[in-house]
Amino acid sequence: MKLQRHLIALALLLSACAQGPERVVEETLSEVPAPRGSALLRQVMLEGHNRTRADAGVPPLQWDESLVASARSYAEEMARSGRFAHAEQPHGPTRQGENLWTGTRGAYRFEEMLGHWAAEGRDFVNGITPAFSRTGKWQDVSHYTQMIWRNTTRVGCAIASNRRDDYLVCRYTPAGNVVGERTL
């Protein structure tokens, strides 16, 4: 019986991994509902991205309202469907980079959301994409590398919620994490 429960748990885990990005539940720093608002989101995301980029030695990003609209549309779609997965996008020059985050509705501050991506920098090495993680798994640093991608110049972020979760989407152009290229 115990073995059967373990096999069922393993099957569920493998099934979840095959469905899209791993949903990581992080510890929140406070029990107080997090402050919200589009002006605060813009300030925190732009300042946090640019602080992370400055630490990596790359120029700052500019906020882009067309990327905000694209991010908002996709965040709302994920909140409506409950499906947490990267958007399907065309390949080529119109492709946007994308970072996704989800967590319990109202439990996380914008700084915490962004901080989860930035913390991936601890495992970053400036190798040729996708060999840019000291763990050997590119997924362990791909949010961070999109944040600091040297050729990216603009960012726009939006958040949407359902009854249970918040969905944060940041879109970037030009897109980062280009296979065969170096991050910095």
N, C-alpha and C. Protein backbone atom coordinates (compact mmCIF):
# COMPACT_ATOMS: atom_id res chain seq x y z
N MET A 1 0.82 -1.18 0.00
CA MET A 1 0.00 0.00 0.00
C MET A 1 0.88 1.26 0.00
N LYS A 2 1.92 1.26 0.83
CA LYS A 2 2.82 2.40 0.90
C LYS A 2 3.52 2.61 -0.45
N LEU A 3 3.98 1.55 -1.09
CA LEU A 3 4.62 1.63 -2.38
C LEU A 3 3.64 2.17 -3.42
N GLN A 4 2.40 1.73 -3.36
CA GLN A 4 1.39 2.20 -4.31
C GLN A 4 1.17 3.72 -4.16
N ARG A 5 1.12 4.23 -2.93
CA ARG A 5 0.97 5.67 -2.71
C ARG A 5 2.15 6.44 -3.28
N HIS A 6 3.37 5.89 -3.09
CA HIS A 6 4.56 6.55 -3.63
C HIS A 6 4.53 6.57 -5.15
N LEU A 7 4.09 5.48 -5.76
CA LEU A 7 4.02 5.42 -7.22
C LEU A 7 2.98 6.40 -7.75
N ILE A 8 1.86 6.54 -7.07
CA ILE A 8 0.84 7.49 -7.49
C ILE A 8 1.38 8.92 -7.37
N ALA A 9 2.06 9.21 -6.27
CA ALA A 9 2.63 10.54 -6.08
C ALA A 9 3.67 10.83 -7.16
N LEU A 10 4.51 9.86 -7.50
CA LEU A 10 5.51 10.02 -8.54
C LEU A 10 4.84 10.26 -9.89
N ALA A 11 3.79 9.51 -10.19
CA ALA A 11 3.06 9.69 -11.45
C ALA A 11 2.46 11.08 -11.55
N LEU A 12 1.90 11.58 -10.44
CA LEU A 12 1.34 12.93 -10.45
C LEU A 12 2.42 13.97 -10.66
N LEU A 13 3.57 13.79 -10.02
CA LEU A 13 4.67 14.72 -10.17
C LEU A 13 5.16 14.74 -11.61
N LEU A 14 5.37 13.58 -12.20
CA LEU A 14 5.83 13.49 -13.58
C LEU A 14 4.81 14.09 -14.54
N SER A 15 3.54 13.86 -14.28
CA SER A 15 2.48 14.43 -15.10
C SER A 15 2.51 15.95 -15.04
N ALA A 16 2.70 16.50 -13.86
CA ALA A 16 2.75 17.95 -13.70
C ALA A 16 3.95 18.54 -14.43
N CYS A 17 5.08 17.85 -14.40
CA CYS A 17 6.28 18.33 -15.08
C CYS A 17 6.10 18.37 -16.58
N ALA A 18 5.37 17.44 -17.11
CA ALA A 18 5.14 17.37 -18.55
C ALA A 18 4.18 18.45 -19.02
N GLN A 19 3.43 19.07 -18.13
CA GLN A 19 2.41 20.03 -18.52
C GLN A 19 2.93 21.45 -18.66
N GLY A 20 4.09 21.77 -18.23
CA GLY A 20 4.58 23.13 -18.38
C GLY A 20 5.54 23.50 -17.29
N PRO A 21 5.79 24.81 -17.11
CA PRO A 21 6.75 25.24 -16.11
C PRO A 21 6.36 24.76 -14.73
N GLU A 22 7.38 24.43 -13.97
CA GLU A 22 7.14 23.96 -12.61
C GLU A 22 6.54 25.07 -11.77
N ARG A 23 5.52 24.74 -11.03
CA ARG A 23 4.90 25.70 -10.11
C ARG A 23 5.63 25.58 -8.79
N VAL A 24 6.41 26.58 -8.47
CA VAL A 24 7.20 26.57 -7.26
C VAL A 24 6.47 27.40 -6.21
N VAL A 25 6.24 26.82 -5.07
CA VAL A 25 5.62 27.56 -3.97
C VAL A 25 6.73 28.04 -3.07
N GLU A 26 6.84 29.34 -2.95
CA GLU A 26 7.88 29.95 -2.15
C GLU A 26 7.29 30.43 -0.83
N GLU A 27 8.11 30.54 0.17
CA GLU A 27 7.67 31.05 1.46
C GLU A 27 7.50 32.56 1.37
N THR A 28 6.38 33.06 1.80
CA THR A 28 6.15 34.49 1.83
C THR A 28 6.72 35.07 3.12
N LEU A 29 7.05 36.36 3.08
CA LEU A 29 7.69 36.98 4.22
C LEU A 29 6.72 37.61 5.21
N SER A 30 5.42 37.68 4.85
CA SER A 30 4.48 38.39 5.69
C SER A 30 3.09 37.77 5.58
N GLU A 31 2.31 37.92 6.65
CA GLU A 31 0.93 37.46 6.65
C GLU A 31 -0.03 38.57 6.20
N VAL A 32 0.48 39.81 6.09
CA VAL A 32 -0.33 40.96 5.71
C VAL A 32 -0.51 40.94 4.19
N PRO A 33 -1.74 41.20 3.69
CA PRO A 33 -1.92 41.24 2.23
C PRO A 33 -0.96 42.21 1.58
N ALA A 34 -0.41 41.79 0.45
CA ALA A 34 0.58 42.60 -0.25
C ALA A 34 -0.06 43.81 -0.92
N PRO A 35 0.64 44.95 -0.91
CA PRO A 35 0.11 46.13 -1.61
C PRO A 35 0.07 45.88 -3.11
N ARG A 36 -0.90 46.49 -3.79
CA ARG A 36 -1.09 46.27 -5.21
C ARG A 36 -1.30 47.60 -5.93
N GLY A 37 -1.31 47.54 -7.25
CA GLY A 37 -1.57 48.70 -8.09
C GLY A 37 -0.62 48.74 -9.26
N SER A 38 -1.08 49.25 -10.39
CA SER A 38 -0.26 49.26 -11.61
C SER A 38 0.95 50.17 -11.47
N ALA A 39 0.81 51.30 -10.78
CA ALA A 39 1.96 52.20 -10.60
C ALA A 39 3.03 51.54 -9.75
N LEU A 40 2.62 50.85 -8.69
CA LEU A 40 3.57 50.14 -7.84
C LEU A 40 4.22 48.99 -8.60
N LEU A 41 3.44 48.26 -9.38
CA LEU A 41 4.00 47.16 -10.19
C LEU A 41 5.07 47.71 -11.13
N ARG A 42 4.76 48.78 -11.85
CA ARG A 42 5.73 49.37 -12.78
C ARG A 42 7.01 49.77 -12.04
N GLN A 43 6.86 50.47 -10.92
CA GLN A 43 8.03 50.95 -10.18
C GLN A 43 8.89 49.79 -9.70
N VAL A 44 8.27 48.80 -9.07
CA VAL A 44 9.03 47.68 -8.50
C VAL A 44 9.69 46.85 -9.60
N MET A 45 8.95 46.56 -10.66
CA MET A 45 9.50 45.72 -11.72
C MET A 45 10.63 46.42 -12.47
N LEU A 46 10.44 47.69 -12.82
CA LEU A 46 11.48 48.40 -13.56
C LEU A 46 12.72 48.61 -12.70
N GLU A 47 12.52 49.07 -11.46
CA GLU A 47 13.67 49.27 -10.57
C GLU A 47 14.39 47.95 -10.27
N GLY A 48 13.62 46.90 -10.01
CA GLY A 48 14.23 45.60 -9.70
C GLY A 48 14.98 45.00 -10.88
N HIS A 49 14.38 45.07 -12.07
CA HIS A 49 15.08 44.59 -13.27
C HIS A 49 16.37 45.39 -13.48
N ASN A 50 16.27 46.71 -13.37
CA ASN A 50 17.45 47.54 -13.66
C ASN A 50 18.53 47.42 -12.60
N ARG A 51 18.16 47.18 -11.36
CA ARG A 51 19.16 46.91 -10.31
C ARG A 51 19.88 45.60 -10.61
N THR A 52 19.12 44.57 -11.00
CA THR A 52 19.70 43.26 -11.34
C THR A 52 20.60 43.39 -12.56
N ARG A 53 20.16 44.17 -13.55
CA ARG A 53 20.98 44.38 -14.76
C ARG A 53 22.26 45.16 -14.43
N ALA A 54 22.15 46.17 -13.58
CA ALA A 54 23.34 46.95 -13.19
C ALA A 54 24.36 46.05 -12.50
N ASP A 55 23.87 45.18 -11.63
CA ASP A 55 24.77 44.24 -10.94
C ASP A 55 25.48 43.32 -11.93
N ALA A 56 24.83 43.04 -13.08
CA ALA A 56 25.42 42.17 -14.11
C ALA A 56 26.24 42.97 -15.12
N GLY A 57 26.19 44.31 -15.02
CA GLY A 57 26.98 45.15 -15.92
C GLY A 57 26.34 45.40 -17.27
N VAL A 58 25.01 45.35 -17.34
CA VAL A 58 24.32 45.63 -18.62
C VAL A 58 23.43 46.86 -18.46
N PRO A 59 23.13 47.55 -19.58
CA PRO A 59 22.33 48.78 -19.51
C PRO A 59 20.91 48.54 -19.01
N PRO A 60 20.28 49.60 -18.50
CA PRO A 60 18.91 49.48 -17.98
C PRO A 60 17.89 49.26 -19.08
N LEU A 61 16.73 48.73 -18.68
CA LEU A 61 15.59 48.53 -19.57
C LEU A 61 14.68 49.75 -19.52
N GLN A 62 13.91 49.93 -20.57
CA GLN A 62 12.86 50.94 -20.61
C GLN A 62 11.51 50.24 -20.47
N TRP A 63 10.56 50.88 -19.82
CA TRP A 63 9.20 50.36 -19.66
C TRP A 63 8.47 50.56 -20.97
N ASP A 64 7.72 49.54 -21.41
CA ASP A 64 7.04 49.58 -22.70
C ASP A 64 5.57 49.21 -22.52
N GLU A 65 4.69 50.17 -22.78
CA GLU A 65 3.25 49.94 -22.58
C GLU A 65 2.67 48.89 -23.52
N SER A 66 3.23 48.72 -24.72
CA SER A 66 2.72 47.66 -25.61
C SER A 66 3.07 46.29 -25.04
N LEU A 67 4.22 46.16 -24.38
CA LEU A 67 4.56 44.90 -23.71
C LEU A 67 3.67 44.70 -22.49
N VAL A 68 3.32 45.78 -21.79
CA VAL A 68 2.39 45.69 -20.66
C VAL A 68 1.06 45.12 -21.13
N ALA A 69 0.54 45.64 -22.26
CA ALA A 69 -0.74 45.17 -22.79
C ALA A 69 -0.67 43.69 -23.16
N SER A 70 0.44 43.28 -23.77
CA SER A 70 0.62 41.87 -24.13
C SER A 70 0.70 41.00 -22.88
N ALA A 71 1.45 41.47 -21.88
CA ALA A 71 1.58 40.73 -20.62
C ALA A 71 0.24 40.64 -19.90
N ARG A 72 -0.52 41.74 -19.89
CA ARG A 72 -1.82 41.76 -19.22
C ARG A 72 -2.78 40.76 -19.87
N SER A 73 -2.82 40.76 -21.18
CA SER A 73 -3.70 39.84 -21.89
C SER A 73 -3.40 38.39 -21.52
N TYR A 74 -2.10 38.05 -21.47
CA TYR A 74 -1.75 36.67 -21.16
C TYR A 74 -1.95 36.35 -19.68
N ALA A 75 -1.65 37.30 -18.79
CA ALA A 75 -1.89 37.07 -17.35
C ALA A 75 -3.38 36.82 -17.11
N GLU A 76 -4.23 37.60 -17.77
CA GLU A 76 -5.68 37.41 -17.62
C GLU A 76 -6.12 36.05 -18.16
N GLU A 77 -5.52 35.62 -19.26
CA GLU A 77 -5.85 34.30 -19.81
C GLU A 77 -5.48 33.18 -18.82
N MET A 78 -4.29 33.28 -18.21
CA MET A 78 -3.89 32.25 -17.25
C MET A 78 -4.80 32.28 -16.02
N ALA A 79 -5.15 33.48 -15.53
CA ALA A 79 -6.03 33.58 -14.36
C ALA A 79 -7.40 32.99 -14.68
N ARG A 80 -7.90 33.23 -15.87
CA ARG A 80 -9.21 32.72 -16.27
C ARG A 80 -9.19 31.19 -16.40
N SER A 81 -8.13 30.67 -17.04
CA SER A 81 -8.07 29.23 -17.31
C SER A 81 -7.47 28.43 -16.15
N GLY A 82 -6.66 29.10 -15.31
CA GLY A 82 -5.95 28.39 -14.24
C GLY A 82 -4.76 27.60 -14.77
N ARG A 83 -4.44 27.75 -16.04
CA ARG A 83 -3.33 27.02 -16.68
C ARG A 83 -2.07 27.89 -16.63
N PHE A 84 -1.06 27.41 -15.94
CA PHE A 84 0.20 28.12 -15.80
C PHE A 84 1.21 27.52 -16.77
N ALA A 85 1.42 28.20 -17.89
CA ALA A 85 2.33 27.71 -18.92
C ALA A 85 2.75 28.89 -19.78
N HIS A 86 3.92 28.78 -20.41
CA HIS A 86 4.37 29.84 -21.30
C HIS A 86 3.45 29.94 -22.51
N ALA A 87 3.29 31.16 -23.01
CA ALA A 87 2.45 31.42 -24.18
C ALA A 87 3.09 30.84 -25.43
N GLU A 88 2.26 30.37 -26.32
CA GLU A 88 2.76 29.97 -27.63
C GLU A 88 2.96 31.24 -28.44
N GLN A 89 4.16 31.38 -29.02
CA GLN A 89 4.49 32.58 -29.78
C GLN A 89 5.20 32.18 -31.07
N PRO A 90 5.10 33.04 -32.08
CA PRO A 90 5.83 32.75 -33.33
C PRO A 90 7.32 32.92 -33.10
N HIS A 91 8.13 32.17 -33.85
CA HIS A 91 9.58 32.37 -33.81
C HIS A 91 9.91 33.53 -34.73
N GLY A 92 11.01 34.18 -34.49
CA GLY A 92 11.42 35.29 -35.34
C GLY A 92 11.50 36.59 -34.59
N PRO A 93 11.62 37.71 -35.32
CA PRO A 93 11.89 39.00 -34.70
C PRO A 93 10.74 39.56 -33.86
N THR A 94 9.52 39.07 -34.04
CA THR A 94 8.39 39.58 -33.25
C THR A 94 8.21 38.82 -31.94
N ARG A 95 8.96 37.75 -31.75
CA ARG A 95 8.86 36.96 -30.52
C ARG A 95 9.24 37.81 -29.32
N GLN A 96 8.50 37.67 -28.24
CA GLN A 96 8.79 38.38 -27.00
C GLN A 96 9.36 37.41 -25.98
N GLY A 97 10.33 37.86 -25.20
CA GLY A 97 10.78 37.08 -24.06
C GLY A 97 9.68 37.09 -23.01
N GLU A 98 9.69 36.10 -22.13
CA GLU A 98 8.60 35.99 -21.16
C GLU A 98 9.09 35.36 -19.87
N ASN A 99 8.77 36.00 -18.76
CA ASN A 99 8.94 35.42 -17.43
C ASN A 99 7.57 35.32 -16.78
N LEU A 100 7.30 34.18 -16.15
CA LEU A 100 6.03 33.93 -15.49
C LEU A 100 6.27 33.64 -14.01
N TRP A 101 5.30 34.03 -13.20
CA TRP A 101 5.32 33.72 -11.76
C TRP A 101 3.88 33.52 -11.32
N THR A 102 3.66 32.58 -10.42
CA THR A 102 2.34 32.42 -9.81
C THR A 102 2.49 32.08 -8.34
N GLY A 103 1.51 32.51 -7.56
CA GLY A 103 1.49 32.23 -6.14
C GLY A 103 0.14 32.58 -5.56
N THR A 104 -0.05 32.25 -4.32
CA THR A 104 -1.32 32.48 -3.63
C THR A 104 -1.73 33.95 -3.73
N ARG A 105 -2.98 34.17 -4.10
CA ARG A 105 -3.49 35.52 -4.32
C ARG A 105 -3.26 36.42 -3.09
N GLY A 106 -2.64 37.56 -3.35
CA GLY A 106 -2.43 38.57 -2.32
C GLY A 106 -1.37 38.26 -1.29
N ALA A 107 -0.72 37.12 -1.37
CA ALA A 107 0.22 36.72 -0.32
C ALA A 107 1.64 37.26 -0.55
N TYR A 108 1.97 37.65 -1.77
CA TYR A 108 3.34 38.03 -2.09
C TYR A 108 3.41 39.47 -2.55
N ARG A 109 4.45 40.16 -2.10
CA ARG A 109 4.74 41.50 -2.58
C ARG A 109 5.41 41.39 -3.95
N PHE A 110 5.32 42.44 -4.75
CA PHE A 110 5.96 42.44 -6.07
C PHE A 110 7.46 42.20 -5.95
N GLU A 111 8.08 42.74 -4.90
CA GLU A 111 9.52 42.54 -4.69
C GLU A 111 9.84 41.06 -4.49
N GLU A 112 8.97 40.34 -3.81
CA GLU A 112 9.20 38.90 -3.61
C GLU A 112 9.09 38.14 -4.92
N MET A 113 8.10 38.49 -5.73
CA MET A 113 7.92 37.82 -7.02
C MET A 113 9.17 37.99 -7.87
N LEU A 114 9.60 39.22 -8.04
CA LEU A 114 10.80 39.52 -8.82
C LEU A 114 12.03 38.89 -8.19
N GLY A 115 12.07 38.90 -6.87
CA GLY A 115 13.21 38.33 -6.16
C GLY A 115 13.41 36.85 -6.43
N HIS A 116 12.34 36.13 -6.66
CA HIS A 116 12.47 34.70 -6.99
C HIS A 116 13.23 34.52 -8.30
N TRP A 117 12.96 35.38 -9.28
CA TRP A 117 13.69 35.30 -10.55
C TRP A 117 15.14 35.73 -10.37
N ALA A 118 15.35 36.85 -9.69
CA ALA A 118 16.70 37.38 -9.52
C ALA A 118 17.59 36.42 -8.74
N ALA A 119 17.01 35.69 -7.79
CA ALA A 119 17.79 34.76 -6.96
C ALA A 119 18.41 33.64 -7.78
N GLU A 120 17.88 33.38 -8.96
CA GLU A 120 18.47 32.35 -9.82
C GLU A 120 19.90 32.70 -10.24
N GLY A 121 20.26 33.98 -10.11
CA GLY A 121 21.61 34.42 -10.46
C GLY A 121 22.70 33.68 -9.71
N ARG A 122 22.37 33.12 -8.58
CA ARG A 122 23.38 32.38 -7.80
C ARG A 122 23.93 31.18 -8.57
N ASP A 123 23.16 30.64 -9.52
CA ASP A 123 23.59 29.48 -10.31
C ASP A 123 23.98 29.83 -11.73
N PHE A 124 24.03 31.12 -12.08
CA PHE A 124 24.34 31.56 -13.44
C PHE A 124 25.82 31.50 -13.73
N VAL A 125 26.17 31.02 -14.91
CA VAL A 125 27.51 31.13 -15.48
C VAL A 125 27.32 31.67 -16.90
N ASN A 126 28.22 32.50 -17.35
CA ASN A 126 28.04 33.14 -18.66
C ASN A 126 28.52 32.25 -19.79
N GLY A 127 27.85 31.12 -19.93
CA GLY A 127 28.15 30.20 -21.02
C GLY A 127 27.24 30.48 -22.21
N ILE A 128 27.44 29.71 -23.26
CA ILE A 128 26.59 29.82 -24.45
C ILE A 128 25.25 29.16 -24.14
N THR A 129 24.16 29.84 -24.47
CA THR A 129 22.81 29.33 -24.19
C THR A 129 22.59 28.02 -24.94
N PRO A 130 22.18 26.95 -24.27
CA PRO A 130 21.59 26.87 -22.94
C PRO A 130 22.55 26.44 -21.82
N ALA A 131 23.84 26.47 -22.06
CA ALA A 131 24.82 26.03 -21.05
C ALA A 131 25.21 27.20 -20.16
N PHE A 132 24.22 27.77 -19.43
CA PHE A 132 24.51 28.93 -18.60
C PHE A 132 24.14 28.72 -17.14
N SER A 133 24.07 27.46 -16.71
CA SER A 133 23.74 27.17 -15.32
C SER A 133 24.77 26.24 -14.70
N ARG A 134 25.23 26.59 -13.53
CA ARG A 134 26.20 25.72 -12.85
C ARG A 134 25.57 24.39 -12.41
N THR A 135 24.22 24.32 -12.39
CA THR A 135 23.55 23.07 -12.03
C THR A 135 23.45 22.12 -13.22
N GLY A 136 23.69 22.65 -14.43
CA GLY A 136 23.55 21.83 -15.63
C GLY A 136 22.13 21.86 -16.20
N LYS A 137 21.21 22.53 -15.50
CA LYS A 137 19.82 22.64 -15.97
C LYS A 137 19.52 24.10 -16.29
N TRP A 138 19.34 24.41 -17.56
CA TRP A 138 19.11 25.80 -17.97
C TRP A 138 17.88 26.40 -17.30
N GLN A 139 16.90 25.55 -16.98
CA GLN A 139 15.67 26.04 -16.35
C GLN A 139 15.93 26.67 -14.98
N ASP A 140 17.04 26.32 -14.36
CA ASP A 140 17.36 26.85 -13.03
C ASP A 140 17.75 28.33 -13.05
N VAL A 141 18.06 28.87 -14.23
CA VAL A 141 18.49 30.27 -14.31
C VAL A 141 17.80 31.06 -15.42
N SER A 142 16.87 30.48 -16.13
CA SER A 142 16.33 31.12 -17.34
C SER A 142 15.50 32.37 -17.07
N HIS A 143 14.90 32.51 -15.89
CA HIS A 143 14.21 33.77 -15.56
C HIS A 143 15.25 34.88 -15.38
N TYR A 144 16.29 34.55 -14.64
CA TYR A 144 17.36 35.50 -14.40
C TYR A 144 18.03 35.92 -15.70
N THR A 145 18.36 34.95 -16.57
CA THR A 145 19.06 35.29 -17.81
C THR A 145 18.20 36.17 -18.71
N GLN A 146 16.86 35.96 -18.70
CA GLN A 146 16.01 36.86 -19.48
C GLN A 146 16.07 38.27 -18.90
N MET A 147 16.13 38.38 -17.59
CA MET A 147 16.21 39.70 -16.96
C MET A 147 17.48 40.45 -17.36
N ILE A 148 18.61 39.74 -17.49
CA ILE A 148 19.89 40.40 -17.73
C ILE A 148 20.38 40.25 -19.18
N TRP A 149 19.58 39.68 -20.07
CA TRP A 149 20.02 39.46 -21.45
C TRP A 149 20.50 40.78 -22.05
N ARG A 150 21.75 40.79 -22.54
CA ARG A 150 22.41 42.03 -22.95
C ARG A 150 21.69 42.75 -24.07
N ASN A 151 21.03 42.05 -24.98
CA ASN A 151 20.37 42.69 -26.12
C ASN A 151 18.94 43.15 -25.83
N THR A 152 18.38 42.74 -24.71
CA THR A 152 17.02 43.16 -24.35
C THR A 152 17.06 44.63 -23.94
N THR A 153 16.08 45.40 -24.44
CA THR A 153 16.07 46.84 -24.16
C THR A 153 14.78 47.31 -23.50
N ARG A 154 13.69 46.52 -23.61
CA ARG A 154 12.40 46.97 -23.08
C ARG A 154 11.71 45.85 -22.33
N VAL A 155 10.90 46.25 -21.34
CA VAL A 155 10.15 45.31 -20.52
C VAL A 155 8.77 45.90 -20.23
N GLY A 156 7.80 45.03 -20.05
CA GLY A 156 6.47 45.41 -19.59
C GLY A 156 5.89 44.26 -18.81
N CYS A 157 5.27 44.54 -17.67
CA CYS A 157 4.75 43.50 -16.79
C CYS A 157 3.31 43.79 -16.40
N ALA A 158 2.57 42.72 -16.11
CA ALA A 158 1.19 42.86 -15.64
C ALA A 158 0.85 41.67 -14.75
N ILE A 159 -0.16 41.87 -13.93
CA ILE A 159 -0.60 40.82 -13.02
C ILE A 159 -2.12 40.68 -13.13
N ALA A 160 -2.58 39.45 -13.03
CA ALA A 160 -4.02 39.16 -12.99
C ALA A 160 -4.23 38.08 -11.94
N SER A 161 -5.45 38.02 -11.42
CA SER A 161 -5.74 37.08 -10.33
C SER A 161 -7.05 36.37 -10.57
N ASN A 162 -7.13 35.16 -10.04
CA ASN A 162 -8.41 34.49 -9.91
C ASN A 162 -8.69 34.37 -8.41
N ARG A 163 -9.66 33.58 -8.03
CA ARG A 163 -9.99 33.49 -6.60
C ARG A 163 -8.84 32.93 -5.77
N ARG A 164 -7.97 32.14 -6.36
CA ARG A 164 -6.93 31.45 -5.61
C ARG A 164 -5.53 32.02 -5.80
N ASP A 165 -5.19 32.41 -7.04
CA ASP A 165 -3.79 32.72 -7.37
C ASP A 165 -3.61 34.06 -8.08
N ASP A 166 -2.39 34.59 -7.95
CA ASP A 166 -1.91 35.71 -8.75
C ASP A 166 -1.05 35.15 -9.87
N TYR A 167 -1.14 35.77 -11.04
CA TYR A 167 -0.33 35.40 -12.19
C TYR A 167 0.40 36.65 -12.69
N LEU A 168 1.72 36.65 -12.57
CA LEU A 168 2.55 37.75 -13.03
C LEU A 168 3.19 37.34 -14.35
N VAL A 169 3.12 38.24 -15.33
CA VAL A 169 3.78 38.03 -16.62
C VAL A 169 4.63 39.26 -16.91
N CYS A 170 5.89 39.04 -17.25
CA CYS A 170 6.74 40.10 -17.78
C CYS A 170 7.13 39.70 -19.19
N ARG A 171 7.03 40.65 -20.10
CA ARG A 171 7.40 40.45 -21.50
C ARG A 171 8.59 41.35 -21.81
N TYR A 172 9.47 40.85 -22.71
CA TYR A 172 10.73 41.51 -23.02
C TYR A 172 10.94 41.55 -24.53
N THR A 173 11.60 42.62 -24.98
CA THR A 173 12.01 42.68 -26.38
C THR A 173 13.32 43.44 -26.50
N PRO A 174 14.18 43.00 -27.40
CA PRO A 174 14.20 41.69 -28.03
C PRO A 174 14.29 40.58 -26.99
N ALA A 175 13.75 39.43 -27.36
CA ALA A 175 13.72 38.27 -26.47
C ALA A 175 15.14 37.81 -26.13
N GLY A 176 15.29 37.28 -24.94
CA GLY A 176 16.56 36.71 -24.51
C GLY A 176 16.56 35.20 -24.61
N ASN A 177 17.56 34.58 -23.99
CA ASN A 177 17.69 33.13 -23.96
C ASN A 177 17.73 32.53 -25.36
N VAL A 178 18.48 33.18 -26.25
CA VAL A 178 18.61 32.72 -27.63
C VAL A 178 19.68 31.63 -27.69
N VAL A 179 19.26 30.45 -28.13
CA VAL A 179 20.18 29.31 -28.21
C VAL A 179 21.37 29.66 -29.10
N GLY A 180 22.56 29.35 -28.58
CA GLY A 180 23.79 29.61 -29.32
C GLY A 180 24.43 30.95 -29.03
N GLU A 181 23.75 31.79 -28.25
CA GLU A 181 24.29 33.10 -27.91
C GLU A 181 24.63 33.15 -26.41
N ARG A 182 25.51 34.09 -26.08
CA ARG A 182 25.90 34.33 -24.70
C ARG A 182 25.00 35.39 -24.08
N THR A 183 24.67 35.23 -22.79
CA THR A 183 23.80 36.16 -22.09
C THR A 183 24.40 37.56 -22.01
N LEU A 184 25.66 37.64 -21.57
CA LEU A 184 26.32 38.94 -21.38
C LEU A 184 27.35 39.18 -22.46
